[in-house]
Amino acid sequence: MKPKKLSHGLFLTLEGPEGSGKSTQIPHIVKWLKSHGYHVRSLREPGGTELGEKVREVLLTSKHDITTHAELFLFLAARAQLVEEVILPVLKRGEVVVCDRYLDSTVVYQGIAGGLGHDFVERLSAWGAHGLRPDISFFLDLPHDQGLKRTGRRDRMELKSLHFHKRVREGYQRLAKRHAKRVVVIDARENIRTVWANIERELERFFK
């Protein structure tokens, strides 16, 4: 099959609270896109560049207290590097980017749950990402306690308070309503196969 090229590429993101199954579903999405003839680049945030991976290590494993403001700027720095170094060049080639977390995560985790303010963090995040927003985002919705049981609460972000994680889910739900044309809500309480079937149906609808 001759690879398909899109005029401006396509940017797809997966969002959700801890344990929602994003990393499980991304390989299915990538496989589906490739089977339909698209070049695909799969990324994660923070990460995807040398700088981003170092920032990821700090954010997820540091034993030192990191303030919410510091978290915000670390995420923004990693994203700015990823957008300029990887995402924009891939999109300019007419290819598809699939990213595990992006701007919405920062708005929810630091802006809403972290208390820095939804609108402020959204504006700052958009500026740091050169205004680049996803074409479609899948929000894997899952109760915070169920998600944390799945993860085992191993890294620094997962170890935040239960109230924080409750606010994360509420923040995503609010964001999904605010950006209903872009954000597709997927019930992540279902089994892996059912979740994928629901995502696949939305992909087929979107690509039509």
N, C-alpha and C. Protein backbone atom coordinates (compact mmCIF):
# COMPACT_ATOMS: atom_id res chain seq x y z
N MET A 1 0.85 -1.20 0.00
CA MET A 1 0.00 0.00 0.00
C MET A 1 0.88 1.25 0.00
N LYS A 2 0.61 2.15 -0.92
CA LYS A 2 1.38 3.40 -0.98
C LYS A 2 1.02 4.27 0.23
N PRO A 3 2.04 4.76 0.97
CA PRO A 3 1.76 5.58 2.15
C PRO A 3 0.92 6.81 1.82
N LYS A 4 -0.06 7.07 2.66
CA LYS A 4 -0.92 8.23 2.46
C LYS A 4 -0.25 9.47 3.06
N LYS A 5 -0.41 10.58 2.38
CA LYS A 5 0.11 11.85 2.87
C LYS A 5 -1.06 12.80 3.12
N LEU A 6 -1.04 13.46 4.24
CA LEU A 6 -2.04 14.45 4.56
C LEU A 6 -1.45 15.83 4.31
N SER A 7 -2.26 16.78 3.88
CA SER A 7 -1.74 18.10 3.52
C SER A 7 -1.05 18.80 4.68
N HIS A 8 -1.57 18.63 5.87
CA HIS A 8 -0.96 19.29 7.02
C HIS A 8 -0.68 18.30 8.16
N GLY A 9 -0.66 17.01 7.85
CA GLY A 9 -0.46 16.02 8.89
C GLY A 9 -1.69 15.92 9.78
N LEU A 10 -1.61 15.07 10.79
CA LEU A 10 -2.71 14.90 11.74
C LEU A 10 -2.13 14.67 13.12
N PHE A 11 -2.67 15.37 14.09
CA PHE A 11 -2.17 15.29 15.46
C PHE A 11 -3.25 14.71 16.36
N LEU A 12 -2.98 13.53 16.90
CA LEU A 12 -3.94 12.81 17.75
C LEU A 12 -3.34 12.60 19.13
N THR A 13 -4.11 12.87 20.18
CA THR A 13 -3.60 12.69 21.53
C THR A 13 -4.51 11.80 22.35
N LEU A 14 -3.92 11.16 23.37
CA LEU A 14 -4.68 10.39 24.36
C LEU A 14 -4.48 11.04 25.71
N GLU A 15 -5.58 11.24 26.42
CA GLU A 15 -5.55 11.88 27.72
C GLU A 15 -6.34 11.05 28.73
N GLY A 16 -6.07 11.28 30.00
CA GLY A 16 -6.83 10.60 31.02
C GLY A 16 -6.08 10.56 32.34
N PRO A 17 -6.76 10.21 33.40
CA PRO A 17 -6.12 10.10 34.71
C PRO A 17 -5.19 8.90 34.77
N GLU A 18 -4.47 8.78 35.87
CA GLU A 18 -3.54 7.66 36.03
C GLU A 18 -4.30 6.33 35.91
N GLY A 19 -3.69 5.39 35.19
CA GLY A 19 -4.27 4.06 35.08
C GLY A 19 -5.43 3.93 34.11
N SER A 20 -5.64 4.94 33.27
CA SER A 20 -6.79 4.92 32.37
C SER A 20 -6.56 4.04 31.14
N GLY A 21 -5.33 3.60 30.91
CA GLY A 21 -5.06 2.67 29.82
C GLY A 21 -4.55 3.29 28.54
N LYS A 22 -4.02 4.50 28.62
CA LYS A 22 -3.53 5.17 27.41
C LYS A 22 -2.42 4.37 26.72
N SER A 23 -1.44 3.95 27.51
CA SER A 23 -0.30 3.24 26.92
C SER A 23 -0.71 1.88 26.36
N THR A 24 -1.80 1.33 26.86
CA THR A 24 -2.30 0.06 26.34
C THR A 24 -2.98 0.25 24.98
N GLN A 25 -3.69 1.35 24.82
CA GLN A 25 -4.46 1.59 23.60
C GLN A 25 -3.65 2.18 22.46
N ILE A 26 -2.58 2.89 22.77
CA ILE A 26 -1.80 3.55 21.72
C ILE A 26 -1.27 2.57 20.67
N PRO A 27 -0.71 1.41 21.04
CA PRO A 27 -0.26 0.48 20.00
C PRO A 27 -1.39 0.04 19.06
N HIS A 28 -2.61 -0.10 19.57
CA HIS A 28 -3.75 -0.45 18.73
C HIS A 28 -4.05 0.67 17.73
N ILE A 29 -3.98 1.91 18.21
CA ILE A 29 -4.23 3.06 17.34
C ILE A 29 -3.17 3.15 16.26
N VAL A 30 -1.91 2.99 16.65
CA VAL A 30 -0.80 3.06 15.69
C VAL A 30 -0.95 1.96 14.64
N LYS A 31 -1.26 0.76 15.08
CA LYS A 31 -1.44 -0.36 14.15
C LYS A 31 -2.59 -0.08 13.17
N TRP A 32 -3.70 0.47 13.70
CA TRP A 32 -4.85 0.78 12.85
C TRP A 32 -4.48 1.82 11.80
N LEU A 33 -3.79 2.86 12.21
CA LEU A 33 -3.40 3.91 11.27
C LEU A 33 -2.45 3.38 10.20
N LYS A 34 -1.49 2.57 10.60
CA LYS A 34 -0.55 2.01 9.64
C LYS A 34 -1.26 1.08 8.66
N SER A 35 -2.25 0.34 9.17
CA SER A 35 -2.99 -0.58 8.29
C SER A 35 -3.81 0.19 7.26
N HIS A 36 -4.08 1.47 7.54
CA HIS A 36 -4.81 2.31 6.60
C HIS A 36 -3.86 3.17 5.75
N GLY A 37 -2.57 2.88 5.86
CA GLY A 37 -1.61 3.49 4.94
C GLY A 37 -0.94 4.77 5.41
N TYR A 38 -1.06 5.09 6.69
CA TYR A 38 -0.46 6.34 7.18
C TYR A 38 0.90 6.10 7.82
N HIS A 39 1.81 7.05 7.61
CA HIS A 39 3.05 7.09 8.38
C HIS A 39 2.70 7.62 9.77
N VAL A 40 3.18 6.96 10.83
CA VAL A 40 2.79 7.33 12.19
C VAL A 40 4.03 7.48 13.06
N ARG A 41 4.01 8.52 13.87
CA ARG A 41 5.06 8.72 14.89
C ARG A 41 4.37 8.70 16.26
N SER A 42 4.77 7.75 17.10
CA SER A 42 4.18 7.63 18.44
C SER A 42 5.11 8.27 19.45
N LEU A 43 4.55 9.16 20.29
CA LEU A 43 5.34 9.93 21.27
C LEU A 43 4.67 9.89 22.64
N ARG A 44 5.42 10.34 23.63
CA ARG A 44 4.84 10.48 24.97
C ARG A 44 5.31 11.78 25.58
N GLU A 45 4.52 12.25 26.53
CA GLU A 45 4.88 13.47 27.27
C GLU A 45 4.91 13.19 28.77
N PRO A 46 5.89 13.80 29.46
CA PRO A 46 7.07 14.42 28.86
C PRO A 46 7.98 13.33 28.27
N GLY A 47 8.72 13.69 27.26
CA GLY A 47 9.62 12.74 26.61
C GLY A 47 9.73 13.04 25.13
N GLY A 48 10.23 12.06 24.39
CA GLY A 48 10.32 12.19 22.94
C GLY A 48 11.56 12.89 22.42
N THR A 49 12.30 13.56 23.31
CA THR A 49 13.57 14.20 22.97
C THR A 49 14.53 13.94 24.12
N GLU A 50 15.80 14.22 23.90
CA GLU A 50 16.78 14.01 24.98
C GLU A 50 16.42 14.87 26.20
N LEU A 51 16.06 16.13 25.94
CA LEU A 51 15.66 17.01 27.04
C LEU A 51 14.41 16.49 27.72
N GLY A 52 13.41 16.11 26.91
CA GLY A 52 12.14 15.67 27.47
C GLY A 52 12.27 14.44 28.34
N GLU A 53 13.13 13.51 27.96
CA GLU A 53 13.30 12.30 28.76
C GLU A 53 13.98 12.61 30.10
N LYS A 54 14.89 13.58 30.09
CA LYS A 54 15.53 13.98 31.35
C LYS A 54 14.53 14.67 32.26
N VAL A 55 13.67 15.52 31.68
CA VAL A 55 12.62 16.18 32.45
C VAL A 55 11.66 15.14 33.01
N ARG A 56 11.33 14.14 32.22
CA ARG A 56 10.43 13.08 32.67
C ARG A 56 10.98 12.38 33.91
N GLU A 57 12.27 12.09 33.86
CA GLU A 57 12.90 11.41 34.99
C GLU A 57 12.80 12.26 36.26
N VAL A 58 13.03 13.55 36.12
CA VAL A 58 12.94 14.45 37.27
C VAL A 58 11.52 14.49 37.81
N LEU A 59 10.55 14.67 36.92
CA LEU A 59 9.16 14.84 37.34
C LEU A 59 8.57 13.58 37.97
N LEU A 60 8.99 12.42 37.49
CA LEU A 60 8.37 11.18 37.97
C LEU A 60 9.13 10.48 39.08
N THR A 61 10.43 10.75 39.21
CA THR A 61 11.22 9.98 40.18
C THR A 61 11.90 10.81 41.26
N SER A 62 11.88 12.15 41.12
CA SER A 62 12.59 12.98 42.10
C SER A 62 12.04 12.79 43.51
N LYS A 63 12.94 12.69 44.47
CA LYS A 63 12.54 12.57 45.87
C LYS A 63 12.40 13.94 46.53
N HIS A 64 12.78 14.99 45.81
CA HIS A 64 12.68 16.35 46.33
C HIS A 64 11.30 16.93 46.04
N ASP A 65 10.89 17.84 46.88
CA ASP A 65 9.60 18.50 46.68
C ASP A 65 9.70 19.43 45.46
N ILE A 66 8.79 19.27 44.53
CA ILE A 66 8.73 20.13 43.35
C ILE A 66 7.42 20.90 43.41
N THR A 67 7.49 22.21 43.42
CA THR A 67 6.27 23.01 43.52
C THR A 67 5.45 22.88 42.24
N THR A 68 4.18 23.22 42.34
CA THR A 68 3.31 23.15 41.17
C THR A 68 3.76 24.10 40.08
N HIS A 69 4.24 25.28 40.48
CA HIS A 69 4.76 26.23 39.49
C HIS A 69 5.96 25.64 38.76
N ALA A 70 6.86 24.99 39.52
CA ALA A 70 8.05 24.39 38.90
C ALA A 70 7.63 23.24 37.97
N GLU A 71 6.66 22.44 38.41
CA GLU A 71 6.13 21.37 37.55
C GLU A 71 5.66 21.94 36.22
N LEU A 72 4.89 23.02 36.32
CA LEU A 72 4.33 23.64 35.12
C LEU A 72 5.43 23.99 34.12
N PHE A 73 6.47 24.67 34.59
CA PHE A 73 7.50 25.13 33.67
C PHE A 73 8.36 23.97 33.16
N LEU A 74 8.52 22.93 33.94
CA LEU A 74 9.24 21.76 33.45
C LEU A 74 8.47 21.08 32.32
N PHE A 75 7.16 20.91 32.51
CA PHE A 75 6.34 20.33 31.46
C PHE A 75 6.36 21.20 30.20
N LEU A 76 6.25 22.51 30.39
CA LEU A 76 6.24 23.43 29.24
C LEU A 76 7.55 23.38 28.48
N ALA A 77 8.67 23.30 29.21
CA ALA A 77 9.98 23.25 28.56
C ALA A 77 10.12 21.97 27.73
N ALA A 78 9.71 20.85 28.32
CA ALA A 78 9.80 19.58 27.60
C ALA A 78 8.92 19.60 26.35
N ARG A 79 7.72 20.18 26.47
CA ARG A 79 6.79 20.23 25.34
C ARG A 79 7.30 21.15 24.24
N ALA A 80 7.84 22.30 24.62
CA ALA A 80 8.35 23.24 23.62
C ALA A 80 9.43 22.57 22.78
N GLN A 81 10.30 21.80 23.42
CA GLN A 81 11.36 21.09 22.69
C GLN A 81 10.77 20.02 21.78
N LEU A 82 9.79 19.29 22.30
CA LEU A 82 9.17 18.21 21.52
C LEU A 82 8.44 18.76 20.29
N VAL A 83 7.71 19.86 20.47
CA VAL A 83 6.95 20.44 19.36
C VAL A 83 7.90 20.90 18.26
N GLU A 84 8.93 21.64 18.63
CA GLU A 84 9.84 22.18 17.62
C GLU A 84 10.73 21.12 16.98
N GLU A 85 11.22 20.20 17.81
CA GLU A 85 12.19 19.23 17.32
C GLU A 85 11.55 18.06 16.59
N VAL A 86 10.34 17.66 17.02
CA VAL A 86 9.76 16.43 16.48
C VAL A 86 8.38 16.64 15.84
N ILE A 87 7.42 17.17 16.60
CA ILE A 87 6.04 17.15 16.14
C ILE A 87 5.83 17.98 14.88
N LEU A 88 6.27 19.23 14.89
CA LEU A 88 6.05 20.09 13.72
C LEU A 88 6.70 19.53 12.45
N PRO A 89 7.95 19.05 12.50
CA PRO A 89 8.54 18.45 11.29
C PRO A 89 7.76 17.25 10.78
N VAL A 90 7.26 16.40 11.70
CA VAL A 90 6.49 15.23 11.28
C VAL A 90 5.18 15.65 10.61
N LEU A 91 4.51 16.62 11.20
CA LEU A 91 3.25 17.10 10.62
C LEU A 91 3.47 17.75 9.27
N LYS A 92 4.58 18.47 9.13
CA LYS A 92 4.88 19.12 7.85
C LYS A 92 5.12 18.10 6.74
N ARG A 93 5.52 16.90 7.12
CA ARG A 93 5.72 15.84 6.12
C ARG A 93 4.40 15.14 5.77
N GLY A 94 3.31 15.60 6.37
CA GLY A 94 2.01 15.02 6.08
C GLY A 94 1.76 13.71 6.79
N GLU A 95 2.42 13.50 7.90
CA GLU A 95 2.30 12.24 8.64
C GLU A 95 1.42 12.43 9.88
N VAL A 96 1.23 11.34 10.62
CA VAL A 96 0.35 11.36 11.79
C VAL A 96 1.19 11.25 13.06
N VAL A 97 0.89 12.10 14.03
CA VAL A 97 1.51 12.04 15.35
C VAL A 97 0.48 11.54 16.35
N VAL A 98 0.84 10.51 17.10
CA VAL A 98 0.00 10.01 18.19
C VAL A 98 0.78 10.22 19.48
N CYS A 99 0.22 11.01 20.39
CA CYS A 99 0.96 11.40 21.60
C CYS A 99 0.21 11.03 22.88
N ASP A 100 0.92 10.37 23.76
CA ASP A 100 0.41 10.01 25.09
C ASP A 100 0.58 11.22 25.99
N ARG A 101 -0.51 11.97 26.16
CA ARG A 101 -0.59 13.24 26.91
C ARG A 101 -0.05 14.40 26.06
N TYR A 102 -0.61 15.57 26.35
CA TYR A 102 -0.18 16.80 25.69
C TYR A 102 -0.69 17.97 26.52
N LEU A 103 -1.06 19.03 25.87
CA LEU A 103 -1.44 20.28 26.54
C LEU A 103 -2.56 20.10 27.56
N ASP A 104 -3.56 19.26 27.24
CA ASP A 104 -4.68 19.06 28.16
C ASP A 104 -4.23 18.56 29.53
N SER A 105 -3.20 17.71 29.54
CA SER A 105 -2.71 17.18 30.82
C SER A 105 -2.20 18.30 31.72
N THR A 106 -1.49 19.25 31.14
CA THR A 106 -0.95 20.36 31.92
C THR A 106 -2.07 21.23 32.45
N VAL A 107 -3.06 21.50 31.62
CA VAL A 107 -4.21 22.30 32.06
C VAL A 107 -4.91 21.62 33.23
N VAL A 108 -5.07 20.30 33.14
CA VAL A 108 -5.79 19.57 34.18
C VAL A 108 -4.94 19.39 35.44
N TYR A 109 -3.73 18.87 35.28
CA TYR A 109 -2.91 18.54 36.44
C TYR A 109 -2.39 19.77 37.19
N GLN A 110 -1.83 20.73 36.45
CA GLN A 110 -1.29 21.91 37.13
C GLN A 110 -2.31 23.04 37.22
N GLY A 111 -3.14 23.19 36.20
CA GLY A 111 -4.10 24.30 36.20
C GLY A 111 -5.30 24.07 37.09
N ILE A 112 -5.98 22.94 36.91
CA ILE A 112 -7.22 22.68 37.66
C ILE A 112 -6.93 21.97 38.97
N ALA A 113 -6.36 20.76 38.92
CA ALA A 113 -6.08 20.01 40.15
C ALA A 113 -5.00 20.70 40.98
N GLY A 114 -4.02 21.31 40.30
CA GLY A 114 -2.93 21.96 41.02
C GLY A 114 -3.24 23.36 41.49
N GLY A 115 -4.34 23.93 41.01
CA GLY A 115 -4.79 25.22 41.52
C GLY A 115 -4.18 26.45 40.87
N LEU A 116 -3.45 26.29 39.77
CA LEU A 116 -2.85 27.45 39.13
C LEU A 116 -3.81 28.21 38.22
N GLY A 117 -4.94 27.59 37.93
CA GLY A 117 -5.95 28.28 37.12
C GLY A 117 -6.06 27.71 35.72
N HIS A 118 -7.26 27.33 35.34
CA HIS A 118 -7.53 26.73 34.04
C HIS A 118 -7.10 27.65 32.89
N ASP A 119 -7.66 28.85 32.85
CA ASP A 119 -7.41 29.75 31.71
C ASP A 119 -5.96 30.18 31.62
N PHE A 120 -5.36 30.48 32.78
CA PHE A 120 -3.96 30.92 32.79
C PHE A 120 -3.05 29.84 32.22
N VAL A 121 -3.20 28.61 32.70
CA VAL A 121 -2.33 27.52 32.25
C VAL A 121 -2.60 27.17 30.80
N GLU A 122 -3.86 27.24 30.38
CA GLU A 122 -4.19 26.94 28.99
C GLU A 122 -3.54 27.94 28.04
N ARG A 123 -3.59 29.22 28.39
CA ARG A 123 -2.97 30.25 27.54
C ARG A 123 -1.46 30.08 27.49
N LEU A 124 -0.86 29.86 28.66
CA LEU A 124 0.60 29.71 28.73
C LEU A 124 1.05 28.45 27.99
N SER A 125 0.29 27.38 28.14
CA SER A 125 0.65 26.13 27.48
C SER A 125 0.55 26.27 25.97
N ALA A 126 -0.50 26.92 25.49
CA ALA A 126 -0.67 27.13 24.05
C ALA A 126 0.48 27.96 23.50
N TRP A 127 0.88 28.99 24.23
CA TRP A 127 2.00 29.83 23.80
C TRP A 127 3.28 29.00 23.73
N GLY A 128 3.53 28.17 24.74
CA GLY A 128 4.74 27.36 24.76
C GLY A 128 4.78 26.31 23.67
N ALA A 129 3.61 25.94 23.16
CA ALA A 129 3.52 24.92 22.12
C ALA A 129 3.32 25.53 20.74
N HIS A 130 3.63 26.82 20.59
CA HIS A 130 3.47 27.52 19.31
C HIS A 130 2.03 27.49 18.81
N GLY A 131 1.09 27.39 19.74
CA GLY A 131 -0.31 27.38 19.37
C GLY A 131 -0.80 26.07 18.77
N LEU A 132 0.06 25.07 18.76
CA LEU A 132 -0.31 23.78 18.16
C LEU A 132 -1.26 23.00 19.07
N ARG A 133 -2.42 22.67 18.54
CA ARG A 133 -3.41 21.89 19.28
C ARG A 133 -3.72 20.60 18.51
N PRO A 134 -4.16 19.56 19.21
CA PRO A 134 -4.49 18.31 18.53
C PRO A 134 -5.70 18.47 17.62
N ASP A 135 -5.77 17.63 16.59
CA ASP A 135 -6.96 17.57 15.75
C ASP A 135 -8.06 16.78 16.43
N ILE A 136 -7.67 15.76 17.18
CA ILE A 136 -8.63 14.96 17.93
C ILE A 136 -7.93 14.42 19.18
N SER A 137 -8.66 14.41 20.30
CA SER A 137 -8.12 13.89 21.55
C SER A 137 -9.09 12.87 22.13
N PHE A 138 -8.57 11.73 22.52
CA PHE A 138 -9.38 10.72 23.20
C PHE A 138 -9.15 10.85 24.70
N PHE A 139 -10.22 11.11 25.43
CA PHE A 139 -10.16 11.19 26.90
C PHE A 139 -10.68 9.87 27.45
N LEU A 140 -9.77 9.08 28.01
CA LEU A 140 -10.14 7.80 28.61
C LEU A 140 -10.58 8.07 30.04
N ASP A 141 -11.88 8.04 30.25
CA ASP A 141 -12.48 8.44 31.52
C ASP A 141 -12.58 7.26 32.48
N LEU A 142 -12.04 7.46 33.69
CA LEU A 142 -11.99 6.39 34.68
C LEU A 142 -12.00 6.99 36.08
N PRO A 143 -12.78 6.43 37.03
CA PRO A 143 -12.73 6.92 38.40
C PRO A 143 -11.31 6.85 38.96
N HIS A 144 -10.92 7.86 39.70
CA HIS A 144 -9.53 7.97 40.15
C HIS A 144 -9.09 6.78 41.00
N ASP A 145 -9.98 6.27 41.86
CA ASP A 145 -9.58 5.18 42.74
C ASP A 145 -9.34 3.89 41.94
N GLN A 146 -10.13 3.67 40.91
CA GLN A 146 -9.96 2.50 40.06
C GLN A 146 -8.65 2.58 39.28
N GLY A 147 -8.35 3.76 38.78
CA GLY A 147 -7.11 3.94 38.04
C GLY A 147 -5.87 3.75 38.90
N LEU A 148 -5.90 4.26 40.12
CA LEU A 148 -4.75 4.14 41.00
C LEU A 148 -4.52 2.70 41.44
N LYS A 149 -5.59 1.92 41.53
CA LYS A 149 -5.43 0.50 41.83
C LYS A 149 -4.71 -0.21 40.70
N ARG A 150 -4.99 0.22 39.47
CA ARG A 150 -4.33 -0.39 38.32
C ARG A 150 -2.83 -0.08 38.30
N THR A 151 -2.48 1.15 38.63
CA THR A 151 -1.08 1.56 38.53
C THR A 151 -0.23 1.09 39.70
N GLY A 152 -0.83 0.95 40.86
CA GLY A 152 -0.06 0.60 42.04
C GLY A 152 0.62 1.79 42.68
N ARG A 153 0.38 3.00 42.15
CA ARG A 153 0.91 4.25 42.72
C ARG A 153 2.43 4.19 42.89
N ARG A 154 3.12 4.08 41.79
CA ARG A 154 4.57 3.92 41.84
C ARG A 154 5.37 5.20 41.67
N ASP A 155 4.94 6.10 40.77
CA ASP A 155 5.77 7.28 40.51
C ASP A 155 5.29 8.50 41.28
N ARG A 156 6.04 9.58 41.15
CA ARG A 156 5.79 10.78 41.95
C ARG A 156 4.41 11.38 41.70
N MET A 157 3.95 11.40 40.44
CA MET A 157 2.64 11.96 40.14
C MET A 157 1.52 11.08 40.69
N GLU A 158 1.69 9.78 40.59
CA GLU A 158 0.68 8.85 41.10
C GLU A 158 0.56 8.93 42.61
N LEU A 159 1.63 9.34 43.29
CA LEU A 159 1.64 9.39 44.75
C LEU A 159 0.99 10.66 45.32
N LYS A 160 0.52 11.54 44.47
CA LYS A 160 -0.18 12.72 44.97
C LYS A 160 -1.48 12.28 45.67
N SER A 161 -2.09 13.19 46.41
CA SER A 161 -3.24 12.84 47.25
C SER A 161 -4.44 12.34 46.45
N LEU A 162 -5.31 11.58 47.11
CA LEU A 162 -6.53 11.09 46.47
C LEU A 162 -7.41 12.26 46.03
N HIS A 163 -7.44 13.32 46.83
CA HIS A 163 -8.22 14.51 46.46
C HIS A 163 -7.69 15.10 45.17
N PHE A 164 -6.37 15.14 45.02
CA PHE A 164 -5.77 15.66 43.79
C PHE A 164 -6.23 14.84 42.58
N HIS A 165 -6.17 13.52 42.70
CA HIS A 165 -6.55 12.67 41.58
C HIS A 165 -8.05 12.75 41.28
N LYS A 166 -8.84 12.99 42.29
CA LYS A 166 -10.27 13.20 42.07
C LYS A 166 -10.48 14.47 41.25
N ARG A 167 -9.71 15.51 41.58
CA ARG A 167 -9.78 16.77 40.85
C ARG A 167 -9.29 16.61 39.41
N VAL A 168 -8.33 15.73 39.20
CA VAL A 168 -7.83 15.47 37.85
C VAL A 168 -8.96 14.96 36.97
N ARG A 169 -9.68 13.94 37.46
CA ARG A 169 -10.77 13.40 36.66
C ARG A 169 -11.84 14.46 36.40
N GLU A 170 -12.20 15.21 37.43
CA GLU A 170 -13.20 16.27 37.26
C GLU A 170 -12.73 17.31 36.26
N GLY A 171 -11.41 17.59 36.29
CA GLY A 171 -10.85 18.56 35.36
C GLY A 171 -10.95 18.09 33.92
N TYR A 172 -10.67 16.83 33.70
CA TYR A 172 -10.80 16.27 32.35
C TYR A 172 -12.25 16.31 31.87
N GLN A 173 -13.17 16.00 32.77
CA GLN A 173 -14.58 16.03 32.39
C GLN A 173 -15.01 17.44 32.02
N ARG A 174 -14.52 18.42 32.75
CA ARG A 174 -14.82 19.81 32.44
C ARG A 174 -14.22 20.20 31.09
N LEU A 175 -12.99 19.77 30.86
CA LEU A 175 -12.30 20.10 29.62
C LEU A 175 -13.00 19.46 28.41
N ALA A 176 -13.49 18.24 28.61
CA ALA A 176 -14.17 17.53 27.52
C ALA A 176 -15.44 18.28 27.09
N LYS A 177 -16.13 18.87 28.04
CA LYS A 177 -17.32 19.65 27.72
C LYS A 177 -16.94 20.96 27.03
N ARG A 178 -15.87 21.56 27.48
CA ARG A 178 -15.44 22.84 26.94
C ARG A 178 -14.94 22.70 25.50
N HIS A 179 -14.32 21.56 25.19
CA HIS A 179 -13.77 21.34 23.86
C HIS A 179 -14.42 20.12 23.23
N ALA A 180 -15.73 20.10 23.24
CA ALA A 180 -16.49 18.92 22.81
C ALA A 180 -16.26 18.56 21.34
N LYS A 181 -15.91 19.53 20.50
CA LYS A 181 -15.69 19.23 19.08
C LYS A 181 -14.38 18.47 18.86
N ARG A 182 -13.45 18.64 19.79
CA ARG A 182 -12.14 17.99 19.65
C ARG A 182 -11.99 16.75 20.53
N VAL A 183 -12.56 16.79 21.71
CA VAL A 183 -12.34 15.73 22.70
C VAL A 183 -13.44 14.67 22.61
N VAL A 184 -13.01 13.42 22.44
CA VAL A 184 -13.92 12.29 22.42
C VAL A 184 -13.78 11.52 23.73
N VAL A 185 -14.87 11.37 24.46
CA VAL A 185 -14.83 10.69 25.75
C VAL A 185 -15.04 9.20 25.55
N ILE A 186 -14.12 8.40 26.11
CA ILE A 186 -14.19 6.95 26.03
C ILE A 186 -14.29 6.40 27.46
N ASP A 187 -15.25 5.54 27.70
CA ASP A 187 -15.42 4.93 29.02
C ASP A 187 -14.33 3.89 29.23
N ALA A 188 -13.35 4.22 30.08
CA ALA A 188 -12.21 3.33 30.30
C ALA A 188 -12.46 2.31 31.39
N ARG A 189 -13.68 2.27 31.94
CA ARG A 189 -14.02 1.25 32.93
C ARG A 189 -14.23 -0.11 32.27
N GLU A 190 -14.48 -0.09 30.96
CA GLU A 190 -14.71 -1.34 30.23
C GLU A 190 -13.41 -2.12 30.08
N ASN A 191 -13.52 -3.37 29.62
CA ASN A 191 -12.31 -4.17 29.41
C ASN A 191 -11.53 -3.62 28.21
N ILE A 192 -10.28 -4.04 28.09
CA ILE A 192 -9.38 -3.50 27.07
C ILE A 192 -9.95 -3.64 25.67
N ARG A 193 -10.54 -4.79 25.36
CA ARG A 193 -11.07 -5.04 24.03
C ARG A 193 -12.23 -4.11 23.70
N THR A 194 -13.10 -3.89 24.68
CA THR A 194 -14.24 -3.01 24.46
C THR A 194 -13.80 -1.56 24.30
N VAL A 195 -12.85 -1.15 25.11
CA VAL A 195 -12.32 0.22 25.00
C VAL A 195 -11.75 0.43 23.61
N TRP A 196 -10.96 -0.53 23.13
CA TRP A 196 -10.38 -0.40 21.80
C TRP A 196 -11.47 -0.35 20.73
N ALA A 197 -12.50 -1.18 20.85
CA ALA A 197 -13.58 -1.19 19.86
C ALA A 197 -14.25 0.18 19.79
N ASN A 198 -14.41 0.83 20.94
CA ASN A 198 -15.02 2.16 20.97
C ASN A 198 -14.11 3.21 20.34
N ILE A 199 -12.81 3.09 20.59
CA ILE A 199 -11.86 4.02 19.97
C ILE A 199 -11.82 3.80 18.46
N GLU A 200 -11.79 2.55 18.04
CA GLU A 200 -11.75 2.24 16.61
C GLU A 200 -12.97 2.81 15.89
N ARG A 201 -14.13 2.71 16.50
CA ARG A 201 -15.34 3.26 15.90
C ARG A 201 -15.22 4.76 15.70
N GLU A 202 -14.64 5.44 16.69
CA GLU A 202 -14.47 6.89 16.59
C GLU A 202 -13.41 7.25 15.54
N LEU A 203 -12.37 6.43 15.42
CA LEU A 203 -11.36 6.67 14.38
C LEU A 203 -11.98 6.55 12.99
N GLU A 204 -12.79 5.52 12.79
CA GLU A 204 -13.43 5.34 11.49
C GLU A 204 -14.35 6.51 11.17
N ARG A 205 -15.05 6.98 12.17
CA ARG A 205 -15.95 8.13 11.97
C ARG A 205 -15.14 9.38 11.65
N PHE A 206 -14.03 9.60 12.37
CA PHE A 206 -13.22 10.79 12.17
C PHE A 206 -12.57 10.81 10.78
N PHE A 207 -12.04 9.67 10.35
CA PHE A 207 -11.33 9.63 9.07
C PHE A 207 -12.25 9.62 7.87
N LYS A 208 -13.54 9.43 8.07
CA LYS A 208 -14.49 9.57 6.98
C LYS A 208 -14.63 11.03 6.57
